[in-house]
N, C-alpha and C. Protein backbone atom coordinates (compact mmCIF):
# COMPACT_ATOMS: atom_id res chain seq x y z
N UNK A 1 47.45 -14.41 74.85
CA UNK A 1 46.22 -15.17 74.98
C UNK A 1 45.86 -15.25 76.46
N UNK A 2 44.63 -14.94 76.76
CA UNK A 2 44.15 -14.98 78.14
C UNK A 2 43.91 -16.42 78.57
N UNK A 3 43.96 -16.64 79.86
CA UNK A 3 43.60 -17.94 80.42
C UNK A 3 42.17 -17.84 80.94
N UNK A 4 41.33 -18.73 80.47
CA UNK A 4 39.93 -18.75 80.88
C UNK A 4 39.77 -19.80 81.96
N UNK A 5 39.11 -19.42 83.04
CA UNK A 5 38.86 -20.40 84.10
C UNK A 5 37.52 -20.10 84.77
N UNK A 6 36.92 -21.15 85.33
CA UNK A 6 35.66 -20.94 86.05
C UNK A 6 35.91 -20.08 87.28
N UNK A 7 34.93 -19.26 87.61
CA UNK A 7 34.97 -18.46 88.83
C UNK A 7 33.92 -19.01 89.78
N UNK A 8 34.34 -19.53 90.90
CA UNK A 8 33.39 -20.07 91.87
C UNK A 8 32.83 -18.98 92.77
N UNK A 9 33.43 -17.81 92.70
CA UNK A 9 32.95 -16.66 93.48
C UNK A 9 33.25 -15.39 92.68
N UNK A 10 32.37 -14.43 92.77
CA UNK A 10 32.59 -13.11 92.16
C UNK A 10 32.25 -12.07 93.21
N UNK A 11 33.03 -11.00 93.23
CA UNK A 11 32.74 -9.95 94.20
C UNK A 11 32.24 -8.69 93.49
N UNK A 12 31.64 -7.84 94.25
CA UNK A 12 31.04 -6.63 93.68
C UNK A 12 32.05 -5.75 92.96
N UNK A 13 33.25 -5.50 93.51
CA UNK A 13 34.20 -4.66 92.77
C UNK A 13 34.56 -5.22 91.39
N UNK A 14 34.73 -6.53 91.28
CA UNK A 14 35.04 -7.13 89.98
C UNK A 14 33.89 -6.91 89.00
N UNK A 15 32.67 -7.19 89.45
CA UNK A 15 31.51 -7.02 88.57
C UNK A 15 31.34 -5.57 88.16
N UNK A 16 31.50 -4.65 89.09
CA UNK A 16 31.34 -3.23 88.75
C UNK A 16 32.46 -2.73 87.84
N UNK A 17 33.63 -3.33 87.92
CA UNK A 17 34.75 -2.94 87.05
C UNK A 17 34.53 -3.41 85.62
N UNK A 18 33.92 -4.59 85.45
CA UNK A 18 33.76 -5.16 84.12
C UNK A 18 32.40 -4.89 83.48
N UNK A 19 31.35 -4.86 84.25
CA UNK A 19 30.00 -4.67 83.69
C UNK A 19 29.70 -3.17 83.71
N UNK A 20 30.16 -2.49 82.68
CA UNK A 20 30.04 -1.03 82.68
C UNK A 20 29.08 -0.50 81.61
N UNK A 21 28.93 -1.21 80.51
CA UNK A 21 28.04 -0.73 79.45
C UNK A 21 28.74 -0.76 78.11
N UNK A 22 28.29 0.10 77.20
CA UNK A 22 28.84 0.10 75.85
C UNK A 22 28.63 1.46 75.21
N UNK A 23 29.29 1.66 74.08
CA UNK A 23 29.03 2.84 73.26
C UNK A 23 28.88 2.36 71.82
N UNK A 24 28.12 3.13 71.05
CA UNK A 24 27.86 2.76 69.66
C UNK A 24 27.63 4.00 68.82
N UNK A 25 28.07 3.93 67.59
CA UNK A 25 27.83 5.03 66.64
C UNK A 25 26.72 4.67 65.66
N UNK A 26 26.12 3.48 65.86
CA UNK A 26 25.04 3.01 65.00
C UNK A 26 23.94 2.40 65.84
N UNK A 27 22.80 2.22 65.21
CA UNK A 27 21.66 1.58 65.86
C UNK A 27 20.88 0.82 64.79
N UNK A 28 20.29 -0.29 65.19
CA UNK A 28 19.32 -0.95 64.31
C UNK A 28 17.96 -0.36 64.63
N UNK A 29 17.42 0.44 63.73
CA UNK A 29 16.09 0.99 63.91
C UNK A 29 15.08 -0.15 63.72
N UNK A 30 14.15 -0.25 64.64
CA UNK A 30 13.17 -1.32 64.60
C UNK A 30 11.82 -0.75 64.20
N UNK A 31 11.23 -1.34 63.18
CA UNK A 31 9.90 -0.94 62.74
C UNK A 31 8.99 -2.16 62.82
N UNK A 32 7.76 -1.89 63.23
CA UNK A 32 6.74 -2.95 63.29
C UNK A 32 5.55 -2.49 62.48
N UNK A 33 5.06 -3.39 61.65
CA UNK A 33 3.88 -3.10 60.84
C UNK A 33 2.91 -4.25 61.03
N UNK A 34 1.67 -3.89 61.38
CA UNK A 34 0.64 -4.92 61.57
C UNK A 34 -0.56 -4.61 60.70
N UNK A 35 -1.00 -5.62 60.01
CA UNK A 35 -2.26 -5.57 59.28
C UNK A 35 -3.04 -6.80 59.72
N UNK A 36 -4.27 -6.93 59.32
CA UNK A 36 -5.01 -8.15 59.70
C UNK A 36 -4.34 -9.44 59.21
N UNK A 37 -3.61 -9.36 58.10
CA UNK A 37 -3.03 -10.57 57.51
C UNK A 37 -1.52 -10.71 57.71
N UNK A 38 -0.87 -9.66 58.13
CA UNK A 38 0.59 -9.67 58.20
C UNK A 38 1.09 -8.94 59.44
N UNK A 39 2.11 -9.51 60.04
CA UNK A 39 2.86 -8.82 61.10
C UNK A 39 4.31 -8.85 60.65
N UNK A 40 4.91 -7.67 60.55
CA UNK A 40 6.26 -7.59 60.01
C UNK A 40 7.13 -6.72 60.91
N UNK A 41 8.32 -7.23 61.20
CA UNK A 41 9.34 -6.46 61.91
C UNK A 41 10.50 -6.24 60.95
N UNK A 42 11.09 -5.06 61.03
CA UNK A 42 12.26 -4.77 60.22
C UNK A 42 13.31 -4.11 61.10
N UNK A 43 14.55 -4.54 60.93
CA UNK A 43 15.69 -3.92 61.59
C UNK A 43 16.54 -3.31 60.49
N UNK A 44 16.79 -2.02 60.59
CA UNK A 44 17.57 -1.33 59.56
C UNK A 44 18.69 -0.55 60.26
N UNK A 45 19.92 -0.83 59.83
CA UNK A 45 21.08 -0.18 60.42
C UNK A 45 21.12 1.30 60.04
N UNK A 46 21.33 2.16 61.05
CA UNK A 46 21.40 3.60 60.82
C UNK A 46 22.55 4.18 61.64
N UNK A 47 23.18 5.19 61.08
CA UNK A 47 24.26 5.88 61.76
C UNK A 47 23.66 6.91 62.70
N UNK A 48 24.24 7.03 63.89
CA UNK A 48 23.78 8.02 64.86
C UNK A 48 24.55 9.33 64.67
N UNK A 49 23.87 10.45 64.89
CA UNK A 49 24.54 11.75 64.79
C UNK A 49 25.56 11.92 65.90
N UNK A 50 25.21 11.44 67.08
CA UNK A 50 26.11 11.48 68.24
C UNK A 50 26.29 10.05 68.74
N UNK A 51 27.50 9.67 69.16
CA UNK A 51 27.66 8.33 69.73
C UNK A 51 26.75 8.14 70.95
N UNK A 52 26.19 6.96 71.06
CA UNK A 52 25.35 6.59 72.20
C UNK A 52 26.23 5.90 73.23
N UNK A 53 26.14 6.33 74.48
CA UNK A 53 26.85 5.68 75.57
C UNK A 53 25.82 5.18 76.55
N UNK A 54 25.85 3.89 76.80
CA UNK A 54 24.89 3.25 77.71
C UNK A 54 25.66 2.68 78.90
N UNK A 55 25.24 3.00 80.10
CA UNK A 55 25.87 2.49 81.32
C UNK A 55 24.90 1.60 82.05
N UNK A 56 25.44 0.56 82.70
CA UNK A 56 24.61 -0.42 83.39
C UNK A 56 24.75 -0.26 84.90
N UNK A 57 23.67 0.04 85.57
CA UNK A 57 23.71 -0.04 87.04
C UNK A 57 23.50 -1.50 87.46
N UNK A 58 24.15 -1.91 88.51
CA UNK A 58 23.94 -3.26 89.05
C UNK A 58 23.24 -3.11 90.39
N UNK A 59 22.12 -3.81 90.54
CA UNK A 59 21.43 -3.74 91.82
C UNK A 59 21.78 -4.95 92.68
N UNK A 60 21.36 -4.91 93.92
CA UNK A 60 21.70 -5.96 94.89
C UNK A 60 21.19 -7.33 94.45
N UNK A 61 19.99 -7.37 93.87
CA UNK A 61 19.43 -8.66 93.43
C UNK A 61 20.28 -9.28 92.32
N UNK A 62 20.74 -8.45 91.36
CA UNK A 62 21.60 -8.97 90.29
C UNK A 62 22.92 -9.48 90.86
N UNK A 63 23.50 -8.71 91.76
CA UNK A 63 24.76 -9.13 92.37
C UNK A 63 24.62 -10.47 93.07
N UNK A 64 23.53 -10.64 93.79
CA UNK A 64 23.28 -11.91 94.48
C UNK A 64 23.09 -13.03 93.47
N UNK A 65 22.33 -12.79 92.42
CA UNK A 65 22.10 -13.81 91.39
C UNK A 65 23.42 -14.21 90.73
N UNK A 66 24.26 -13.25 90.40
CA UNK A 66 25.53 -13.55 89.75
C UNK A 66 26.46 -14.33 90.69
N UNK A 67 26.43 -14.00 91.96
CA UNK A 67 27.22 -14.78 92.94
C UNK A 67 26.71 -16.22 93.00
N UNK A 68 25.39 -16.39 92.96
CA UNK A 68 24.82 -17.74 92.99
C UNK A 68 25.22 -18.54 91.75
N UNK A 69 25.19 -17.90 90.58
CA UNK A 69 25.57 -18.58 89.34
C UNK A 69 27.05 -18.97 89.36
N UNK A 70 27.88 -18.12 89.96
CA UNK A 70 29.30 -18.46 90.09
C UNK A 70 29.46 -19.68 91.00
N UNK A 71 28.75 -19.68 92.10
CA UNK A 71 28.82 -20.79 93.04
C UNK A 71 28.38 -22.11 92.38
N UNK A 72 27.43 -22.01 91.43
CA UNK A 72 26.93 -23.20 90.73
C UNK A 72 27.81 -23.61 89.55
N UNK A 73 28.86 -22.82 89.26
CA UNK A 73 29.79 -23.19 88.20
C UNK A 73 29.47 -22.65 86.82
N UNK A 74 28.72 -21.55 86.73
CA UNK A 74 28.29 -21.02 85.44
C UNK A 74 28.89 -19.65 85.10
N UNK A 75 30.00 -19.31 85.76
CA UNK A 75 30.67 -18.03 85.51
C UNK A 75 32.13 -18.31 85.16
N UNK A 76 32.61 -17.59 84.12
CA UNK A 76 33.98 -17.79 83.65
C UNK A 76 34.68 -16.45 83.57
N UNK A 77 35.94 -16.45 83.94
CA UNK A 77 36.75 -15.24 83.87
C UNK A 77 37.92 -15.44 82.93
N UNK A 78 38.32 -14.36 82.28
CA UNK A 78 39.51 -14.35 81.42
C UNK A 78 40.60 -13.61 82.18
N UNK A 79 41.73 -14.26 82.32
CA UNK A 79 42.82 -13.69 83.13
C UNK A 79 44.07 -13.46 82.29
N UNK A 80 44.64 -12.30 82.48
CA UNK A 80 45.95 -11.95 81.93
C UNK A 80 46.78 -11.46 83.09
N UNK A 81 47.91 -12.13 83.32
CA UNK A 81 48.77 -11.79 84.46
C UNK A 81 47.98 -11.75 85.76
N UNK A 82 47.11 -12.73 85.94
CA UNK A 82 46.30 -12.89 87.15
C UNK A 82 45.30 -11.76 87.40
N UNK A 83 45.06 -10.94 86.39
CA UNK A 83 44.05 -9.90 86.47
C UNK A 83 42.87 -10.32 85.61
N UNK A 84 41.68 -10.31 86.18
CA UNK A 84 40.49 -10.68 85.42
C UNK A 84 40.12 -9.54 84.47
N UNK A 85 40.19 -9.84 83.17
CA UNK A 85 39.94 -8.81 82.16
C UNK A 85 38.66 -9.06 81.36
N UNK A 86 37.96 -10.14 81.69
CA UNK A 86 36.70 -10.43 81.01
C UNK A 86 35.90 -11.42 81.82
N UNK A 87 34.58 -11.39 81.60
CA UNK A 87 33.70 -12.28 82.38
C UNK A 87 32.52 -12.71 81.52
N UNK A 88 32.12 -13.94 81.71
CA UNK A 88 30.89 -14.47 81.09
C UNK A 88 30.06 -15.09 82.20
N UNK A 89 28.84 -14.62 82.35
CA UNK A 89 27.93 -15.13 83.37
C UNK A 89 26.77 -15.81 82.66
N UNK A 90 26.63 -17.10 82.91
CA UNK A 90 25.63 -17.91 82.20
C UNK A 90 24.57 -18.44 83.16
N UNK A 91 23.39 -18.67 82.62
CA UNK A 91 22.27 -19.17 83.41
C UNK A 91 21.58 -20.28 82.62
N UNK A 92 21.81 -21.54 83.02
CA UNK A 92 21.17 -22.64 82.29
C UNK A 92 19.67 -22.70 82.56
N UNK A 93 18.92 -22.87 81.49
CA UNK A 93 17.47 -23.05 81.58
C UNK A 93 17.18 -24.51 81.22
N UNK A 94 16.98 -25.32 82.22
CA UNK A 94 16.84 -26.76 81.98
C UNK A 94 15.56 -27.10 81.24
N UNK A 95 14.49 -26.35 81.46
CA UNK A 95 13.20 -26.69 80.87
C UNK A 95 13.25 -26.67 79.34
N UNK A 96 14.09 -25.79 78.76
CA UNK A 96 14.17 -25.77 77.29
C UNK A 96 15.60 -25.99 76.78
N UNK A 97 16.47 -26.41 77.69
CA UNK A 97 17.85 -26.75 77.38
C UNK A 97 18.57 -25.63 76.65
N UNK A 98 18.46 -24.43 77.22
CA UNK A 98 19.14 -23.25 76.68
C UNK A 98 20.08 -22.69 77.73
N UNK A 99 21.24 -22.25 77.29
CA UNK A 99 22.16 -21.56 78.18
C UNK A 99 22.11 -20.08 77.84
N UNK A 100 21.62 -19.30 78.78
CA UNK A 100 21.49 -17.86 78.57
C UNK A 100 22.74 -17.17 79.06
N UNK A 101 23.34 -16.37 78.20
CA UNK A 101 24.49 -15.56 78.60
C UNK A 101 23.91 -14.28 79.18
N UNK A 102 23.92 -14.19 80.50
CA UNK A 102 23.38 -13.01 81.18
C UNK A 102 24.29 -11.80 81.01
N UNK A 103 25.58 -12.04 81.07
CA UNK A 103 26.56 -10.96 80.94
C UNK A 103 27.78 -11.49 80.19
N UNK A 104 28.30 -10.69 79.28
CA UNK A 104 29.57 -10.95 78.63
C UNK A 104 30.26 -9.61 78.49
N UNK A 105 31.36 -9.45 79.20
CA UNK A 105 32.06 -8.16 79.20
C UNK A 105 33.56 -8.37 79.18
N UNK A 106 34.23 -7.52 78.44
CA UNK A 106 35.68 -7.50 78.38
C UNK A 106 36.12 -6.08 78.72
N UNK A 107 37.16 -5.96 79.55
CA UNK A 107 37.65 -4.64 79.95
C UNK A 107 37.99 -3.82 78.69
N UNK A 108 37.63 -2.54 78.68
CA UNK A 108 37.83 -1.72 77.48
C UNK A 108 39.27 -1.72 76.95
N UNK A 109 40.25 -1.76 77.83
CA UNK A 109 41.65 -1.68 77.38
C UNK A 109 42.15 -2.93 76.68
N UNK A 110 41.39 -4.04 76.75
CA UNK A 110 41.81 -5.27 76.07
C UNK A 110 40.75 -5.78 75.08
N UNK A 111 39.76 -4.95 74.79
CA UNK A 111 38.78 -5.36 73.79
C UNK A 111 39.45 -5.49 72.43
N UNK A 112 38.91 -6.35 71.60
CA UNK A 112 39.41 -6.64 70.25
C UNK A 112 40.74 -7.40 70.29
N UNK A 113 40.98 -8.11 71.40
CA UNK A 113 42.20 -8.92 71.50
C UNK A 113 41.90 -10.41 71.48
N UNK A 114 40.62 -10.79 71.27
CA UNK A 114 40.24 -12.19 71.22
C UNK A 114 39.70 -12.75 72.52
N UNK A 115 39.68 -11.95 73.57
CA UNK A 115 39.20 -12.43 74.87
C UNK A 115 37.71 -12.77 74.82
N UNK A 116 36.92 -11.96 74.17
CA UNK A 116 35.49 -12.24 74.04
C UNK A 116 35.26 -13.56 73.31
N UNK A 117 36.01 -13.80 72.25
CA UNK A 117 35.91 -15.06 71.51
C UNK A 117 36.31 -16.24 72.39
N UNK A 118 37.38 -16.08 73.16
CA UNK A 118 37.80 -17.15 74.06
C UNK A 118 36.71 -17.45 75.09
N UNK A 119 36.13 -16.39 75.66
CA UNK A 119 35.07 -16.59 76.64
C UNK A 119 33.88 -17.31 76.01
N UNK A 120 33.48 -16.89 74.82
CA UNK A 120 32.33 -17.52 74.18
C UNK A 120 32.63 -18.96 73.76
N UNK A 121 33.87 -19.27 73.41
CA UNK A 121 34.22 -20.66 73.13
C UNK A 121 34.08 -21.50 74.40
N UNK A 122 34.46 -20.93 75.53
CA UNK A 122 34.30 -21.62 76.81
C UNK A 122 32.82 -21.78 77.15
N UNK A 123 32.03 -20.75 76.91
CA UNK A 123 30.59 -20.83 77.14
C UNK A 123 29.98 -21.93 76.27
N UNK A 124 30.39 -21.99 75.02
CA UNK A 124 29.84 -23.02 74.13
C UNK A 124 30.21 -24.43 74.63
N UNK A 125 31.45 -24.60 75.05
CA UNK A 125 31.85 -25.91 75.58
C UNK A 125 31.06 -26.24 76.84
N UNK A 126 30.85 -25.25 77.68
CA UNK A 126 30.06 -25.45 78.91
C UNK A 126 28.64 -25.87 78.54
N UNK A 127 28.05 -25.21 77.55
CA UNK A 127 26.69 -25.55 77.12
C UNK A 127 26.63 -26.98 76.61
N UNK A 128 27.61 -27.36 75.84
CA UNK A 128 27.64 -28.73 75.32
C UNK A 128 27.78 -29.74 76.45
N UNK A 129 28.63 -29.43 77.43
CA UNK A 129 28.83 -30.32 78.58
C UNK A 129 27.53 -30.49 79.35
N UNK A 130 26.75 -29.42 79.44
CA UNK A 130 25.47 -29.47 80.15
C UNK A 130 24.36 -30.11 79.32
N UNK A 131 24.62 -30.40 78.06
CA UNK A 131 23.60 -30.98 77.19
C UNK A 131 22.60 -29.97 76.68
N UNK A 132 23.00 -28.72 76.57
CA UNK A 132 22.11 -27.67 76.09
C UNK A 132 22.00 -27.75 74.57
N UNK A 133 20.87 -27.32 74.05
CA UNK A 133 20.67 -27.34 72.60
C UNK A 133 21.00 -26.01 71.95
N UNK A 134 21.08 -24.94 72.77
CA UNK A 134 21.39 -23.63 72.21
C UNK A 134 21.94 -22.69 73.27
N UNK A 135 22.58 -21.63 72.78
CA UNK A 135 23.05 -20.52 73.61
C UNK A 135 22.23 -19.30 73.21
N UNK A 136 21.80 -18.53 74.21
CA UNK A 136 20.95 -17.36 73.97
C UNK A 136 21.65 -16.12 74.54
N UNK A 137 21.69 -15.07 73.74
CA UNK A 137 22.20 -13.77 74.18
C UNK A 137 21.14 -12.72 73.91
N UNK A 138 21.03 -11.77 74.81
CA UNK A 138 20.09 -10.65 74.62
C UNK A 138 20.90 -9.36 74.63
N UNK A 139 20.61 -8.49 73.69
CA UNK A 139 21.23 -7.17 73.67
C UNK A 139 20.22 -6.18 73.13
N UNK A 140 20.60 -4.92 73.13
CA UNK A 140 19.70 -3.88 72.62
C UNK A 140 20.00 -3.57 71.16
N UNK A 141 19.01 -3.06 70.49
CA UNK A 141 19.17 -2.67 69.09
C UNK A 141 20.25 -1.60 68.91
N UNK A 142 20.59 -0.90 69.97
CA UNK A 142 21.64 0.12 69.89
C UNK A 142 23.03 -0.44 70.15
N UNK A 143 23.13 -1.68 70.58
CA UNK A 143 24.45 -2.27 70.85
C UNK A 143 24.94 -3.00 69.59
N UNK A 144 25.20 -2.21 68.57
CA UNK A 144 25.63 -2.76 67.28
C UNK A 144 26.96 -3.50 67.40
N UNK A 145 27.93 -3.02 68.20
CA UNK A 145 29.16 -3.81 68.34
C UNK A 145 28.89 -5.23 68.87
N UNK A 146 27.99 -5.38 69.83
CA UNK A 146 27.66 -6.71 70.34
C UNK A 146 26.96 -7.54 69.27
N UNK A 147 26.07 -6.93 68.52
CA UNK A 147 25.38 -7.64 67.44
C UNK A 147 26.38 -8.18 66.43
N UNK A 148 27.34 -7.35 66.05
CA UNK A 148 28.34 -7.81 65.07
C UNK A 148 29.19 -8.94 65.65
N UNK A 149 29.55 -8.81 66.91
CA UNK A 149 30.36 -9.83 67.57
C UNK A 149 29.63 -11.17 67.59
N UNK A 150 28.40 -11.17 68.09
CA UNK A 150 27.65 -12.43 68.19
C UNK A 150 27.39 -13.04 66.81
N UNK A 151 27.04 -12.21 65.86
CA UNK A 151 26.77 -12.73 64.52
C UNK A 151 28.03 -13.32 63.89
N UNK A 152 29.20 -12.73 64.16
CA UNK A 152 30.46 -13.28 63.65
C UNK A 152 30.75 -14.65 64.26
N UNK A 153 30.18 -14.94 65.42
CA UNK A 153 30.36 -16.22 66.08
C UNK A 153 29.30 -17.25 65.70
N UNK A 154 28.43 -16.90 64.76
CA UNK A 154 27.43 -17.86 64.30
C UNK A 154 26.05 -17.70 64.93
N UNK A 155 25.85 -16.65 65.72
CA UNK A 155 24.53 -16.40 66.30
C UNK A 155 23.65 -15.72 65.25
N UNK A 156 22.35 -15.96 65.34
CA UNK A 156 21.40 -15.30 64.46
C UNK A 156 20.34 -14.61 65.31
N UNK A 157 19.81 -13.53 64.78
CA UNK A 157 18.72 -12.84 65.47
C UNK A 157 17.51 -13.75 65.42
N UNK A 158 16.96 -14.05 66.57
CA UNK A 158 15.89 -15.03 66.65
C UNK A 158 14.65 -14.48 67.35
N UNK A 159 14.76 -13.27 67.88
CA UNK A 159 13.59 -12.70 68.55
C UNK A 159 13.76 -11.21 68.80
N UNK A 160 12.62 -10.54 68.83
CA UNK A 160 12.55 -9.11 69.08
C UNK A 160 11.49 -8.91 70.15
N UNK A 161 11.83 -8.15 71.19
CA UNK A 161 10.87 -7.86 72.25
C UNK A 161 10.76 -6.35 72.38
N UNK A 162 9.61 -5.80 72.01
CA UNK A 162 9.44 -4.35 72.00
C UNK A 162 8.89 -3.80 73.32
N UNK A 163 8.85 -4.65 74.36
CA UNK A 163 8.40 -4.15 75.67
C UNK A 163 9.11 -4.86 76.82
N UNK A 164 10.34 -5.31 76.61
CA UNK A 164 11.07 -5.98 77.68
C UNK A 164 11.50 -5.01 78.77
N UNK A 165 11.96 -3.84 78.39
CA UNK A 165 12.50 -2.89 79.36
C UNK A 165 11.45 -1.93 79.92
N UNK A 166 10.59 -1.43 79.04
CA UNK A 166 9.51 -0.52 79.44
C UNK A 166 8.33 -0.77 78.51
N UNK A 167 7.23 -0.09 78.75
CA UNK A 167 6.09 -0.18 77.83
C UNK A 167 6.29 0.66 76.57
N UNK A 168 7.35 1.46 76.54
CA UNK A 168 7.60 2.35 75.41
C UNK A 168 8.92 2.05 74.70
N UNK A 169 9.38 0.81 74.74
CA UNK A 169 10.68 0.48 74.16
C UNK A 169 10.79 0.87 72.69
N UNK A 170 9.78 0.60 71.91
CA UNK A 170 9.83 0.91 70.48
C UNK A 170 9.95 2.41 70.26
N UNK A 171 9.16 3.18 70.96
CA UNK A 171 9.20 4.64 70.82
C UNK A 171 10.51 5.21 71.35
N UNK A 172 11.08 4.57 72.38
CA UNK A 172 12.34 5.04 72.98
C UNK A 172 13.57 4.52 72.23
N UNK A 173 13.34 3.69 71.23
CA UNK A 173 14.43 3.10 70.46
C UNK A 173 15.38 2.29 71.34
N UNK A 174 14.78 1.53 72.26
CA UNK A 174 15.53 0.65 73.16
C UNK A 174 14.85 -0.72 73.14
N UNK A 175 15.09 -1.46 72.07
CA UNK A 175 14.40 -2.72 71.84
C UNK A 175 15.33 -3.89 72.12
N UNK A 176 14.82 -4.90 72.80
CA UNK A 176 15.61 -6.10 73.10
C UNK A 176 15.65 -7.02 71.88
N UNK A 177 16.86 -7.44 71.55
CA UNK A 177 17.06 -8.39 70.46
C UNK A 177 17.68 -9.65 71.05
N UNK A 178 17.15 -10.79 70.66
CA UNK A 178 17.64 -12.08 71.15
C UNK A 178 18.38 -12.78 70.02
N UNK A 179 19.60 -13.15 70.28
CA UNK A 179 20.42 -13.88 69.33
C UNK A 179 20.65 -15.28 69.87
N UNK A 180 20.62 -16.26 68.97
CA UNK A 180 20.75 -17.65 69.40
C UNK A 180 21.73 -18.37 68.51
N UNK A 181 22.42 -19.32 69.13
CA UNK A 181 23.28 -20.22 68.38
C UNK A 181 22.87 -21.63 68.72
N UNK A 182 22.40 -22.33 67.71
CA UNK A 182 21.98 -23.71 67.91
C UNK A 182 23.21 -24.61 67.95
N UNK A 183 23.24 -25.51 68.91
CA UNK A 183 24.39 -26.40 69.08
C UNK A 183 24.16 -27.75 68.43
N UNK A 184 22.90 -28.07 68.17
CA UNK A 184 22.58 -29.35 67.54
C UNK A 184 21.28 -29.23 66.78
N UNK A 185 21.24 -29.81 65.61
CA UNK A 185 20.01 -29.81 64.81
C UNK A 185 19.03 -30.86 65.27
N UNK A 186 19.48 -31.81 66.06
CA UNK A 186 18.62 -32.93 66.43
C UNK A 186 17.98 -32.77 67.80
N UNK A 187 18.36 -31.79 68.55
CA UNK A 187 17.81 -31.66 69.92
C UNK A 187 16.65 -30.72 69.97
């Protein structure tokens, strides 16, 4: 079992080692149909002929933002033998009392060992401590492993954005999906 602890500082090598991307053999195909009376979105799971590998570049602005979030107490690391093997970077949105998980990554060699679940349990406790009403995660329709992970933790698909990344996201099959977990029915 990993030890989860807040990170008050994060450095570029750590972030570049953990925030690498994902691979998937499936995709949720997104279809949109609009008529004067109806607007309908459909997500349908499909197998890919070739595995998709997506890599994440980190730019200077993101690195600075993640360092700031760590300094503010919103970043958590999972440690095994004093080596950070997972990270959760959160960004509280006070105006709507939502905690956005900007990044959640576990080193490939220790994935499926419960570290992601431990990190998300810590994120949930952090959200509750901050008085947040929900946790929000964003991923792509092609990141089926992340979708399964979040849904197993009680998150539901709550939004689809067909132009978050580019003006051609739907045609490029790179659609943003927002998953949310409500922490309280009364807030």
